[in-house]
C-alpha atoms as a PDB file:
ATOM      1  CA  MET A   1      10.326  -1.819 -14.252  1.00  0.00           C
ATOM      2  CA  LEU A   2      13.026  -3.150 -11.953  1.00  0.00           C
ATOM      3  CA  ILE A   3      12.021  -2.765  -8.308  1.00  0.00           C
ATOM      4  CA  PRO A   4      14.432  -3.814  -5.529  1.00  0.00           C
ATOM      5  CA  HIS A   5      13.192  -6.531  -3.192  1.00  0.00           C
ATOM      6  CA  ASP A   6      12.821  -4.296  -0.125  1.00  0.00           C
ATOM      7  CA  THR A   7      10.952  -1.651  -2.136  1.00  0.00           C
ATOM      8  CA  ARG A   8       8.548  -4.300  -3.438  1.00  0.00           C
ATOM      9  CA  ILE A   9       7.899  -5.526   0.113  1.00  0.00           C
ATOM     10  CA  ALA A  10       7.246  -1.944   1.259  1.00  0.00           C
ATOM     11  CA  LEU A  11       4.849  -1.343  -1.668  1.00  0.00           C
ATOM     12  CA  ASP A  12       2.970  -4.537  -0.796  1.00  0.00           C
ATOM     13  CA  THR A  13       2.774  -3.327   2.804  1.00  0.00           C
ATOM     14  CA  VAL A  14       1.333   0.047   1.719  1.00  0.00           C
ATOM     15  CA  VAL A  15      -1.292  -1.697  -0.418  1.00  0.00           C
ATOM     16  CA  ASP A  16      -2.209  -4.113   2.353  1.00  0.00           C
ATOM     17  CA  LEU A  17      -2.455  -1.254   4.853  1.00  0.00           C
ATOM     18  CA  LEU A  18      -4.721   0.716   2.515  1.00  0.00           C
ATOM     19  CA  ASN A  19      -6.867  -2.356   2.029  1.00  0.00           C
ATOM     20  CA  THR A  20      -7.533  -2.608   5.779  1.00  0.00           C
ATOM     21  CA  ALA A  21      -9.655   0.560   5.548  1.00  0.00           C
ATOM     22  CA  PRO A  22     -13.439   0.224   5.819  1.00  0.00           C
ATOM     23  CA  GLU A  23     -13.975   1.476   2.260  1.00  0.00           C
ATOM     24  CA  SER A  24     -11.682  -1.252   0.888  1.00  0.00           C
ATOM     25  CA  ALA A  25     -12.377  -4.223   3.102  1.00  0.00           C
ATOM     26  CA  GLY A  26     -16.030  -3.818   4.029  1.00  0.00           C
ATOM     27  CA  GLY A  27     -15.055  -3.037   7.610  1.00  0.00           C
ATOM     28  CA  ASP A  28     -11.978  -1.770   9.380  1.00  0.00           C
ATOM     29  CA  SER A  29      -9.540  -4.707   9.419  1.00  0.00           C
ATOM     30  CA  LEU A  30      -7.353  -2.615  11.696  1.00  0.00           C
ATOM     31  CA  GLY A  31     -10.006  -2.275  14.357  1.00  0.00           C
ATOM     32  CA  ASP A  32      -8.030  -3.096  17.483  1.00  0.00           C
ATOM     33  CA  ILE A  33      -4.580  -3.730  18.936  1.00  0.00           C
ATOM     34  CA  PRO A  34      -4.596  -7.489  18.158  1.00  0.00           C
ATOM     35  CA  SER A  35      -5.316  -6.727  14.483  1.00  0.00           C
ATOM     36  CA  LEU A  36      -2.408  -4.245  14.468  1.00  0.00           C
ATOM     37  CA  TYR A  37      -0.137  -6.939  15.934  1.00  0.00           C
ATOM     38  CA  ALA A  38      -1.378  -9.343  13.237  1.00  0.00           C
ATOM     39  CA  PHE A  39      -0.628  -6.781  10.526  1.00  0.00           C
ATOM     40  CA  VAL A  40       2.878  -6.176  11.906  1.00  0.00           C
ATOM     41  CA  ARG A  41       3.585  -9.935  12.152  1.00  0.00           C
ATOM     42  CA  GLY A  42       2.079 -10.632   8.730  1.00  0.00           C
ATOM     43  CA  HIS A  43       4.381  -8.088   7.121  1.00  0.00           C
ATOM     44  CA  ASP A  44       7.521  -8.954   9.114  1.00  0.00           C
ATOM     45  CA  VAL A  45       7.848  -5.383  10.360  1.00  0.00           C
ATOM     46  CA  SER A  46      11.109  -5.578  12.285  1.00  0.00           C
ATOM     47  CA  GLY A  47      11.998  -3.865  15.538  1.00  0.00           C
ATOM     48  CA  VAL A  48       8.436  -3.404  16.795  1.00  0.00           C
ATOM     49  CA  GLY A  49       7.936  -3.768  20.524  1.00  0.00           C
ATOM     50  CA  ARG A  50       4.817  -3.328  22.583  1.00  0.00           C
ATOM     51  CA  LEU A  51       1.885  -1.697  20.771  1.00  0.00           C
ATOM     52  CA  GLY A  52      -0.920   0.377  22.276  1.00  0.00           C
ATOM     53  CA  GLU A  53      -3.835   2.642  21.355  1.00  0.00           C
ATOM     54  CA  PRO A  54      -1.535   5.536  20.328  1.00  0.00           C
ATOM     55  CA  ASP A  55       0.155   3.190  17.831  1.00  0.00           C
ATOM     56  CA  LEU A  56      -3.185   2.057  16.431  1.00  0.00           C
ATOM     57  CA  THR A  57      -4.346   5.664  16.060  1.00  0.00           C
ATOM     58  CA  ALA A  58      -1.067   6.673  14.400  1.00  0.00           C
ATOM     59  CA  VAL A  59      -1.167   3.768  11.914  1.00  0.00           C
ATOM     60  CA  ARG A  60      -4.790   4.544  11.004  1.00  0.00           C
ATOM     61  CA  ASP A  61      -3.772   8.174  10.405  1.00  0.00           C
ATOM     62  CA  LEU A  62      -0.854   6.960   8.305  1.00  0.00           C
ATOM     63  CA  ARG A  63      -3.274   4.846   6.274  1.00  0.00           C
ATOM     64  CA  LYS A  64      -5.213   8.016   5.405  1.00  0.00           C
ATOM     65  CA  ARG A  65      -1.993   9.740   4.371  1.00  0.00           C
ATOM     66  CA  PHE A  66      -1.061   6.846   2.081  1.00  0.00           C
ATOM     67  CA  ALA A  67      -4.590   6.959   0.601  1.00  0.00           C
ATOM     68  CA  ALA A  68      -4.084  10.652  -0.190  1.00  0.00           C
ATOM     69  CA  ILE A  69      -0.884   9.807  -2.078  1.00  0.00           C
ATOM     70  CA  PHE A  70      -2.705   7.184  -4.148  1.00  0.00           C
ATOM     71  CA  ALA A  71      -5.491   9.695  -4.855  1.00  0.00           C
ATOM     72  CA  ALA A  72      -3.190  12.632  -5.633  1.00  0.00           C
ATOM     73  CA  PRO A  73      -4.340  14.437  -8.783  1.00  0.00           C
ATOM     74  CA  ASP A  74      -0.813  14.878 -10.132  1.00  0.00           C
ATOM     75  CA  THR A  75       2.808  13.940  -9.532  1.00  0.00           C
ATOM     76  CA  ARG A  76       3.742  17.244  -7.869  1.00  0.00           C
ATOM     77  CA  THR A  77       1.006  16.775  -5.255  1.00  0.00           C
ATOM     78  CA  ALA A  78       2.021  13.156  -4.684  1.00  0.00           C
ATOM     79  CA  ALA A  79       5.659  14.204  -4.278  1.00  0.00           C
ATOM     80  CA  GLU A  80       4.748  16.891  -1.739  1.00  0.00           C
ATOM     81  CA  LEU A  81       2.667  14.396   0.252  1.00  0.00           C
ATOM     82  CA  VAL A  82       5.484  11.825   0.204  1.00  0.00           C
ATOM     83  CA  ASN A  83       8.029  14.473   1.257  1.00  0.00           C
ATOM     84  CA  ARG A  84       5.921  15.521   4.258  1.00  0.00           C
ATOM     85  CA  LEU A  85       5.300  11.909   5.235  1.00  0.00           C
ATOM     86  CA  VAL A  86       8.957  10.896   5.083  1.00  0.00           C
ATOM     87  CA  ALA A  87      10.210  14.060   6.795  1.00  0.00           C
ATOM     88  CA  GLY A  88       7.727  13.574   9.629  1.00  0.00           C
ATOM     89  CA  ALA A  89       8.988  10.033  10.180  1.00  0.00           C
ATOM     90  CA  GLY A  90      12.537  11.214  10.859  1.00  0.00           C
ATOM     91  CA  THR A  91      14.200   9.016   8.268  1.00  0.00           C
ATOM     92  CA  THR A  92      17.628   7.629   9.071  1.00  0.00           C
ATOM     93  CA  PRO A  93      18.846   5.477   6.161  1.00  0.00           C
ATOM     94  CA  GLN A  94      20.858   2.444   7.260  1.00  0.00           C
ATOM     95  CA  LEU A  95      22.170  -0.577   5.404  1.00  0.00           C
ATOM     96  CA  THR A  96      21.151  -3.876   6.984  1.00  0.00           C
ATOM     97  CA  ASP A  97      21.171  -7.612   6.188  1.00  0.00           C
ATOM     98  CA  HIS A  98      18.878  -9.226   8.720  1.00  0.00           C
ATOM     99  CA  ASP A  99      16.590 -12.276   8.787  1.00  0.00           C
ATOM    100  CA  GLY A 100      18.157 -13.951   5.754  1.00  0.00           C
ATOM    101  CA  TYR A 101      17.719 -10.954   3.432  1.00  0.00           C
ATOM    102  CA  ASP A 102      20.700  -9.585   1.533  1.00  0.00           C
ATOM    103  CA  TRP A 103      21.799  -5.982   2.028  1.00  0.00           C
ATOM    104  CA  HIS A 104      19.002  -3.458   1.825  1.00  0.00           C
ATOM    105  CA  VAL A 105      18.155  -0.027   3.204  1.00  0.00           C
ATOM    106  CA  HIS A 106      15.975   0.674   6.212  1.00  0.00           C
ATOM    107  CA  TYR A 107      14.854   4.276   6.367  1.00  0.00           C
ATOM    108  CA  PHE A 108      13.385   4.347   9.870  1.00  0.00           C
ATOM    109  CA  ALA A 109      15.364   5.419  12.902  1.00  0.00           C
ATOM    110  CA  PRO A 110      16.309   2.753  15.451  1.00  0.00           C
ATOM    111  CA  GLY A 111      13.574   2.514  18.061  1.00  0.00           C
ATOM    112  CA  ALA A 112      11.010   4.231  15.802  1.00  0.00           C
ATOM    113  CA  SER A 113       7.318   3.722  16.445  1.00  0.00           C
ATOM    114  CA  VAL A 114       5.510   1.326  14.137  1.00  0.00           C
ATOM    115  CA  ALA A 115       3.851   4.281  12.373  1.00  0.00           C
ATOM    116  CA  ASP A 116       7.193   6.051  11.815  1.00  0.00           C
ATOM    117  CA  HIS A 117       8.728   2.765  10.680  1.00  0.00           C
ATOM    118  CA  LEU A 118       5.967   2.268   8.088  1.00  0.00           C
ATOM    119  CA  ALA A 119       5.959   5.941   7.075  1.00  0.00           C
ATOM    120  CA  ALA A 120       9.716   5.945   6.463  1.00  0.00           C
ATOM    121  CA  ASP A 121      10.125   2.615   4.651  1.00  0.00           C
ATOM    122  CA  CYS A 122       6.832   2.686   2.758  1.00  0.00           C
ATOM    123  CA  GLY A 123       7.106   6.412   2.056  1.00  0.00           C
ATOM    124  CA  MET A 124      10.516   5.860   0.474  1.00  0.00           C
ATOM    125  CA  ALA A 125       9.067   3.034  -1.641  1.00  0.00           C
ATOM    126  CA  LEU A 126       6.404   5.450  -2.887  1.00  0.00           C
ATOM    127  CA  ALA A 127       9.149   8.017  -3.505  1.00  0.00           C
ATOM    128  CA  PHE A 128      10.917   5.420  -5.659  1.00  0.00           C
ATOM    129  CA  ILE A 129       7.758   5.055  -7.769  1.00  0.00           C
ATOM    130  CA  VAL A 130       7.414   8.838  -8.158  1.00  0.00           C
ATOM    131  CA  VAL A 131      11.096   9.294  -9.061  1.00  0.00           C
ATOM    132  CA  ALA A 132      10.844   6.494 -11.630  1.00  0.00           C
ATOM    133  CA  GLY A 133       7.997   8.397 -13.312  1.00  0.00           C
ATOM    134  CA  GLU A 134       5.589   5.572 -12.538  1.00  0.00           C
ATOM    135  CA  ARG A 135       3.042   7.234 -10.242  1.00  0.00           C
ATOM    136  CA  GLU A 136       0.169   6.085 -12.465  1.00  0.00           C
ATOM    137  CA  ARG A 137       0.931   2.538 -11.307  1.00  0.00           C
ATOM    138  CA  LEU A 138      -0.584   3.416  -7.906  1.00  0.00           C
ATOM    139  CA  ARG A 139      -4.193   2.469  -8.537  1.00  0.00           C
ATOM    140  CA  ARG A 140      -7.588   1.579  -7.155  1.00  0.00           C
ATOM    141  CA  CYS A 141      -9.631  -1.331  -8.491  1.00  0.00           C
ATOM    142  CA  GLU A 142     -12.051  -0.251 -11.219  1.00  0.00           C
ATOM    143  CA  ALA A 143     -14.745  -2.717 -10.159  1.00  0.00           C
ATOM    144  CA  PRO A 144     -17.685  -0.523  -9.084  1.00  0.00           C
ATOM    145  CA  ASP A 145     -18.135  -2.290  -5.739  1.00  0.00           C
ATOM    146  CA  CYS A 146     -14.462  -2.679  -4.815  1.00  0.00           C
ATOM    147  CA  GLY A 147     -11.968   0.204  -4.705  1.00  0.00           C
ATOM    148  CA  ARG A 148      -9.105  -1.833  -3.219  1.00  0.00           C
ATOM    149  CA  ALA A 149      -5.613  -0.421  -3.756  1.00  0.00           C
ATOM    150  CA  PHE A 150      -2.917  -2.101  -5.826  1.00  0.00           C
ATOM    151  CA  VAL A 151       0.340  -1.306  -7.599  1.00  0.00           C
ATOM    152  CA  ASP A 152       0.092  -2.106 -11.304  1.00  0.00           C
ATOM    153  CA  LEU A 153       3.343  -3.868 -12.129  1.00  0.00           C
ATOM    154  CA  SER A 154       2.157  -5.166 -15.502  1.00  0.00           C
ATOM    155  CA  ARG A 155       4.529  -4.476 -18.358  1.00  0.00           C
ATOM    156  CA  ASN A 156       2.112  -2.193 -20.226  1.00  0.00           C
ATOM    157  CA  ARG A 157       0.399  -0.642 -17.187  1.00  0.00           C
ATOM    158  CA  SER A 158      -2.937  -2.154 -18.203  1.00  0.00           C
ATOM    159  CA  ARG A 159      -4.121  -3.772 -14.973  1.00  0.00           C
ATOM    160  CA  ARG A 160      -7.579  -2.527 -13.998  1.00  0.00           C
ATOM    161  CA  TYR A 161      -8.626  -4.760 -11.121  1.00  0.00           C
ATOM    162  CA  CYS A 162      -7.132  -5.632  -7.750  1.00  0.00           C
ATOM    163  CA  ASP A 163      -7.490  -9.299  -8.647  1.00  0.00           C
ATOM    164  CA  SER A 164      -8.386 -10.518 -12.118  1.00  0.00           C
ATOM    165  CA  ARG A 165      -9.714 -13.807 -10.695  1.00  0.00           C
ATOM    166  CA  THR A 166     -12.305 -12.078  -8.534  1.00  0.00           C
ATOM    167  CA  CYS A 167     -13.182  -8.535  -9.584  1.00  0.00           C
ATOM    168  CA  GLY A 168     -12.080  -8.959 -13.199  1.00  0.00           C
ATOM    169  CA  ASN A 169     -13.846 -12.270 -13.762  1.00  0.00           C
ATOM    170  CA  ARG A 170     -16.985 -11.112 -11.960  1.00  0.00           C
ATOM    171  CA  LEU A 171     -17.291  -8.070 -14.232  1.00  0.00           C
ATOM    172  CA  HIS A 172     -16.480 -10.054 -17.378  1.00  0.00           C
ATOM    173  CA  VAL A 173     -19.111 -12.670 -16.506  1.00  0.00           C
ATOM    174  CA  ALA A 174     -21.687  -9.952 -15.804  1.00  0.00           C
ATOM    175  CA  ALA A 175     -20.931  -8.294 -19.161  1.00  0.00           C
ATOM    176  CA  TYR A 176     -21.172 -11.651 -20.952  1.00  0.00           C
ATOM    177  CA  ARG A 177     -24.535 -12.411 -19.336  1.00  0.00           C
ATOM    178  CA  ALA A 178     -25.816  -8.943 -20.217  1.00  0.00           C
ATOM    179  CA  ARG A 179     -24.792  -9.457 -23.867  1.00  0.00           C
ATOM    180  CA  ARG A 180     -26.470 -12.878 -23.968  1.00  0.00           C
ATOM    181  CA  LYS A 181     -29.636 -11.512 -22.388  1.00  0.00           C
ATOM    182  CA  GLU A 182     -29.706  -8.629 -24.898  1.00  0.00           C
ATOM    183  CA  ALA A 183     -29.143 -11.007 -27.820  1.00  0.00           C
ATOM    184  CA  ALA A 184     -31.905 -13.337 -26.600  1.00  0.00           C
ATOM    185  CA  GLY A 185     -34.403 -10.554 -25.979  1.00  0.00           C
END
């Protein structure tokens, strides 16, 4: 699956935003204004000025809306959720080539709030996945004590864990130990 650079960045941003939620991170990693600034800086979200409590509230609400898209029971529902999200953000597609990146599309309106910026750009990245017929790539980790979000970009859509080195290995080691214990007993 060929994903343009800016779409990949937006998908990574969606995943990282979802993984700030208490159910994914063990606590709300987006608990205050400084953590919102850190998120914005860490994801190179351009054109963001001063942030306040309304921005934090709006981004947390957006996080719930993205979670609903990941949890949608079917493609039609996911598409409807993406359509509402993108329409509410007031998308204004513009070609841009800033900060050393080649030409790409920004979907947010100039001067948009951080929540509208994320809703427009990340919502369009999710729309790209839906249009490509790849909605099943939007996943949650199958480790029983995890549930972190990820986009499965493996060739055969077989990824089951958010990180094979942590969740995957932990479960494989536990299964191995259980088999050894059963064989010994």
